[in-house]
């Protein structure tokens, strides 16, 4: 990291600190029309600043001298990176694109803007495709550790509790449900969903029924 990039990173870090302080002050007050306007402005500024800060942090040489001197700090630095990424996701959520609500003791995610949400999904899918195409191990590791390792434990416990009555093995998330038409003569009246019990059994069923399909279209 050269001196110019180091100065930019310092500026972005200072701006982030100021904006987070403003955000805390706004959230500690009761929201009215004016404070909501300021809340959106602060969130937009944060969501614009943080990606630039992240890009600079990924520059070669960032924290390298410190980690060379204190190699046992590497785990803490990685954890701080993950926490930083998680905070960015929480800020996006707070911005109102996805609103987390609780009703009757259950958690739901209300989508307020489907177009913006599609944009976010598109960014994630584009990044996943880039990781696969370029073989970017470090970025893939960061993605998994950010979204697949650090999880909201109370929410995870709630999901397990709500999922348990279904009596469906978790691995069945990788099994395709079978859609069975309910007919009255030749007319389809409804579609019944069945869940096969074995992954291997379903693969053998697909091989038996669809092996005539070409390997390439």
Protein backbone atom coordinates (compact mmCIF):
# COMPACT_ATOMS: atom_id res chain seq x y z
CA UNK A 1 0.00 0.00 0.00
CA UNK A 2 1.54 3.33 -1.06
CA UNK A 3 1.31 6.60 0.87
CA UNK A 4 -1.63 7.90 -1.16
CA UNK A 5 -3.69 4.77 -0.54
CA UNK A 6 -2.76 4.89 3.14
CA UNK A 7 -4.01 8.49 3.39
CA UNK A 8 -7.26 7.60 1.61
CA UNK A 9 -7.81 4.64 3.93
CA UNK A 10 -7.23 6.87 6.95
CA UNK A 11 -9.77 9.38 5.61
CA UNK A 12 -12.39 6.71 4.95
CA UNK A 13 -11.81 5.17 8.38
CA UNK A 14 -12.24 8.55 10.07
CA UNK A 15 -15.39 9.25 8.06
CA UNK A 16 -16.78 5.84 9.00
CA UNK A 17 -16.14 6.57 12.69
CA UNK A 18 -17.95 9.92 12.46
CA UNK A 19 -20.90 8.50 10.53
CA UNK A 20 -21.32 5.60 12.95
CA UNK A 21 -21.40 8.12 15.81
CA UNK A 22 -24.08 10.12 13.98
CA UNK A 23 -26.02 6.91 13.35
CA UNK A 24 -25.89 5.98 17.03
CA UNK A 25 -27.14 9.44 18.06
CA UNK A 26 -30.05 9.29 15.58
CA UNK A 27 -31.10 5.80 16.66
CA UNK A 28 -31.10 6.83 20.32
CA UNK A 29 -33.79 9.42 19.59
CA UNK A 30 -37.43 8.91 18.66
CA UNK A 31 -37.74 8.98 14.89
CA UNK A 32 -39.78 11.66 13.17
CA UNK A 33 -39.85 12.73 9.54
CA UNK A 34 -36.73 14.88 9.86
CA UNK A 35 -34.68 12.31 11.78
CA UNK A 36 -35.71 9.60 9.30
CA UNK A 37 -34.37 11.79 6.50
CA UNK A 38 -31.06 12.16 8.33
CA UNK A 39 -31.00 8.43 9.08
CA UNK A 40 -31.30 7.58 5.39
CA UNK A 41 -28.63 10.15 4.50
CA UNK A 42 -26.18 8.73 7.05
CA UNK A 43 -26.85 5.14 5.95
CA UNK A 44 -26.37 6.04 2.30
CA UNK A 45 -23.06 7.73 3.14
CA UNK A 46 -21.91 4.66 5.09
CA UNK A 47 -22.95 2.27 2.32
CA UNK A 48 -20.95 4.37 -0.13
CA UNK A 49 -17.88 4.74 2.11
CA UNK A 50 -17.46 1.20 3.42
CA UNK A 51 -16.94 -0.55 0.03
CA UNK A 52 -14.19 1.96 -0.83
CA UNK A 53 -12.60 1.31 2.54
CA UNK A 54 -12.85 -2.47 1.98
CA UNK A 55 -11.20 -2.16 -1.44
CA UNK A 56 -8.25 -0.31 0.07
CA UNK A 57 -7.97 -2.85 2.88
CA UNK A 58 -7.58 -5.57 0.27
CA UNK A 59 -4.58 -3.76 -1.22
CA UNK A 60 -1.30 -5.64 -0.88
CA UNK A 61 0.63 -4.59 2.17
CA UNK A 62 -2.29 -3.61 4.39
CA UNK A 63 -1.50 -4.67 7.98
CA UNK A 64 1.37 -6.79 6.65
CA UNK A 65 4.03 -5.07 8.72
CA UNK A 66 1.92 -5.37 11.87
CA UNK A 67 1.18 -9.05 11.25
CA UNK A 68 4.83 -9.77 10.50
CA UNK A 69 5.70 -8.30 13.87
CA UNK A 70 2.77 -9.87 15.73
CA UNK A 71 1.78 -13.01 13.77
CA UNK A 72 -0.45 -14.23 16.60
CA UNK A 73 -2.78 -11.33 15.84
CA UNK A 74 -3.84 -12.82 12.50
CA UNK A 75 -6.91 -14.56 13.95
CA UNK A 76 -8.11 -11.34 15.58
CA UNK A 77 -7.55 -9.38 12.36
CA UNK A 78 -9.55 -11.95 10.35
CA UNK A 79 -12.36 -11.80 12.92
CA UNK A 80 -12.42 -7.99 12.73
CA UNK A 81 -12.66 -8.22 8.94
CA UNK A 82 -15.63 -10.58 9.25
CA UNK A 83 -17.30 -8.32 11.82
CA UNK A 84 -16.75 -5.38 9.49
CA UNK A 85 -18.41 -7.22 6.61
CA UNK A 86 -21.27 -8.29 8.89
CA UNK A 87 -21.81 -4.69 9.97
CA UNK A 88 -22.03 -3.66 6.32
CA UNK A 89 -24.78 -6.26 5.76
CA UNK A 90 -26.64 -5.02 8.84
CA UNK A 91 -26.48 -1.45 7.55
CA UNK A 92 -27.98 -2.58 4.25
CA UNK A 93 -30.76 -4.27 6.19
CA UNK A 94 -31.33 -1.14 8.26
CA UNK A 95 -31.51 0.97 5.11
CA UNK A 96 -34.88 -0.65 4.54
CA UNK A 97 -34.23 -2.95 1.65
CA UNK A 98 -34.98 -5.86 3.92
CA UNK A 99 -36.72 -5.18 7.22
CA UNK A 100 -36.45 -7.69 10.07
CA UNK A 101 -39.72 -7.90 11.99
CA UNK A 102 -40.94 -10.02 14.89
CA UNK A 103 -44.56 -11.17 15.09
CA UNK A 104 -45.99 -13.57 17.67
CA UNK A 105 -42.48 -14.40 18.82
CA UNK A 106 -41.32 -15.35 15.30
CA UNK A 107 -38.81 -13.59 13.07
CA UNK A 108 -39.65 -12.59 9.51
CA UNK A 109 -37.84 -10.58 6.85
CA UNK A 110 -40.07 -8.10 5.06
CA UNK A 111 -38.91 -7.09 1.59
CA UNK A 112 -39.68 -3.41 1.06
CA UNK A 113 -38.01 -2.95 -2.33
CA UNK A 114 -37.81 -5.99 -4.59
CA UNK A 115 -35.84 -4.18 -7.31
CA UNK A 116 -33.06 -3.19 -4.91
CA UNK A 117 -33.07 -6.68 -3.42
CA UNK A 118 -32.63 -8.20 -6.88
CA UNK A 119 -29.70 -5.85 -7.34
CA UNK A 120 -28.11 -7.13 -4.13
CA UNK A 121 -28.66 -10.75 -5.17
CA UNK A 122 -27.13 -9.93 -8.55
CA UNK A 123 -24.01 -8.52 -6.85
CA UNK A 124 -23.67 -11.62 -4.71
CA UNK A 125 -24.14 -14.02 -7.65
CA UNK A 126 -21.65 -12.01 -9.72
CA UNK A 127 -19.08 -12.24 -6.93
CA UNK A 128 -19.65 -15.98 -6.49
CA UNK A 129 -19.18 -16.52 -10.23
CA UNK A 130 -15.99 -14.44 -10.13
CA UNK A 131 -14.62 -16.52 -7.25
CA UNK A 132 -15.36 -19.74 -9.16
CA UNK A 133 -13.92 -18.46 -12.43
CA UNK A 134 -10.75 -16.91 -11.01
CA UNK A 135 -10.18 -19.39 -8.18
CA UNK A 136 -9.84 -16.54 -5.68
CA UNK A 137 -9.29 -18.67 -2.57
CA UNK A 138 -8.81 -15.86 -0.05
CA UNK A 139 -11.95 -13.99 -1.14
CA UNK A 140 -13.95 -17.25 -1.16
CA UNK A 141 -12.68 -18.06 2.33
CA UNK A 142 -13.71 -14.59 3.53
CA UNK A 143 -17.18 -14.99 1.98
CA UNK A 144 -17.76 -18.35 3.69
CA UNK A 145 -16.41 -17.20 7.04
CA UNK A 146 -18.47 -14.01 6.94
CA UNK A 147 -21.82 -15.50 5.94
CA UNK A 148 -21.47 -19.20 6.76
CA UNK A 149 -19.56 -19.22 10.03
CA UNK A 150 -20.60 -16.09 11.92
CA UNK A 151 -24.35 -16.53 12.37
CA UNK A 152 -27.02 -15.04 14.60
CA UNK A 153 -27.24 -17.78 17.25
CA UNK A 154 -30.69 -16.83 18.67
CA UNK A 155 -32.12 -16.70 15.14
CA UNK A 156 -30.48 -20.05 14.32
CA UNK A 157 -32.07 -21.61 17.41
CA UNK A 158 -35.46 -20.19 16.38
CA UNK A 159 -35.09 -21.63 12.86
CA UNK A 160 -34.26 -25.06 14.29
CA UNK A 161 -37.29 -24.89 16.58
CA UNK A 162 -39.64 -23.88 13.75
CA UNK A 163 -38.16 -26.48 11.39
CA UNK A 164 -38.36 -29.40 13.81
CA UNK A 165 -42.15 -30.08 13.51
CA UNK A 166 -41.71 -30.70 9.77
CA UNK A 167 -39.80 -33.90 10.58
CA UNK A 168 -37.66 -33.43 7.49
CA UNK A 169 -33.95 -34.27 7.60
CA UNK A 170 -31.78 -31.17 7.07
CA UNK A 171 -29.93 -32.81 4.17
CA UNK A 172 -33.19 -32.83 2.23
CA UNK A 173 -32.47 -29.21 1.44
CA UNK A 174 -30.21 -30.71 -1.25
CA UNK A 175 -32.93 -33.03 -2.52
CA UNK A 176 -35.39 -31.82 -5.12
CA UNK A 177 -39.04 -32.12 -4.06
CA UNK A 178 -41.18 -34.30 -6.26
CA UNK A 179 -44.24 -32.54 -7.72
CA UNK A 180 -47.10 -35.01 -8.14
CA UNK A 181 -50.20 -33.84 -10.05
CA UNK A 182 -53.60 -34.55 -8.50
CA UNK A 183 -55.96 -35.23 -11.40
CA UNK A 184 -59.67 -35.49 -11.98
CA UNK A 185 -59.70 -37.40 -15.22
CA UNK A 186 -57.35 -35.54 -17.53
CA UNK A 187 -57.66 -32.26 -15.62
CA UNK A 188 -54.99 -31.32 -13.08
CA UNK A 189 -56.78 -30.15 -9.94
CA UNK A 190 -53.80 -29.67 -7.63
CA UNK A 191 -50.11 -30.45 -7.19
CA UNK A 192 -48.88 -32.46 -4.21
CA UNK A 193 -45.32 -32.05 -2.94
CA UNK A 194 -43.42 -35.14 -1.85
CA UNK A 195 -39.94 -35.28 -0.35
CA UNK A 196 -37.81 -38.31 -1.29
CA UNK A 197 -35.93 -39.80 1.65
CA UNK A 198 -32.66 -40.68 -0.08
CA UNK A 199 -30.39 -38.54 -2.19
CA UNK A 200 -28.87 -41.57 -3.94
CA UNK A 201 -32.34 -42.94 -4.62
CA UNK A 202 -33.40 -39.70 -6.27
CA UNK A 203 -30.26 -39.62 -8.44
CA UNK A 204 -30.94 -43.21 -9.57
CA UNK A 205 -34.56 -42.24 -10.31
CA UNK A 206 -33.36 -39.31 -12.44
CA UNK A 207 -30.94 -41.60 -14.27
CA UNK A 208 -33.75 -44.05 -15.02
CA UNK A 209 -36.29 -41.46 -16.16
CA UNK A 210 -34.16 -38.83 -17.86
CA UNK A 211 -31.05 -40.62 -19.16
CA UNK A 212 -32.35 -40.12 -22.71
CA UNK A 213 -31.71 -36.37 -22.46
CA UNK A 214 -28.59 -35.13 -24.31
CA UNK A 215 -25.51 -34.25 -22.28
CA UNK A 216 -25.22 -31.03 -24.27
CA UNK A 217 -28.11 -28.91 -25.52
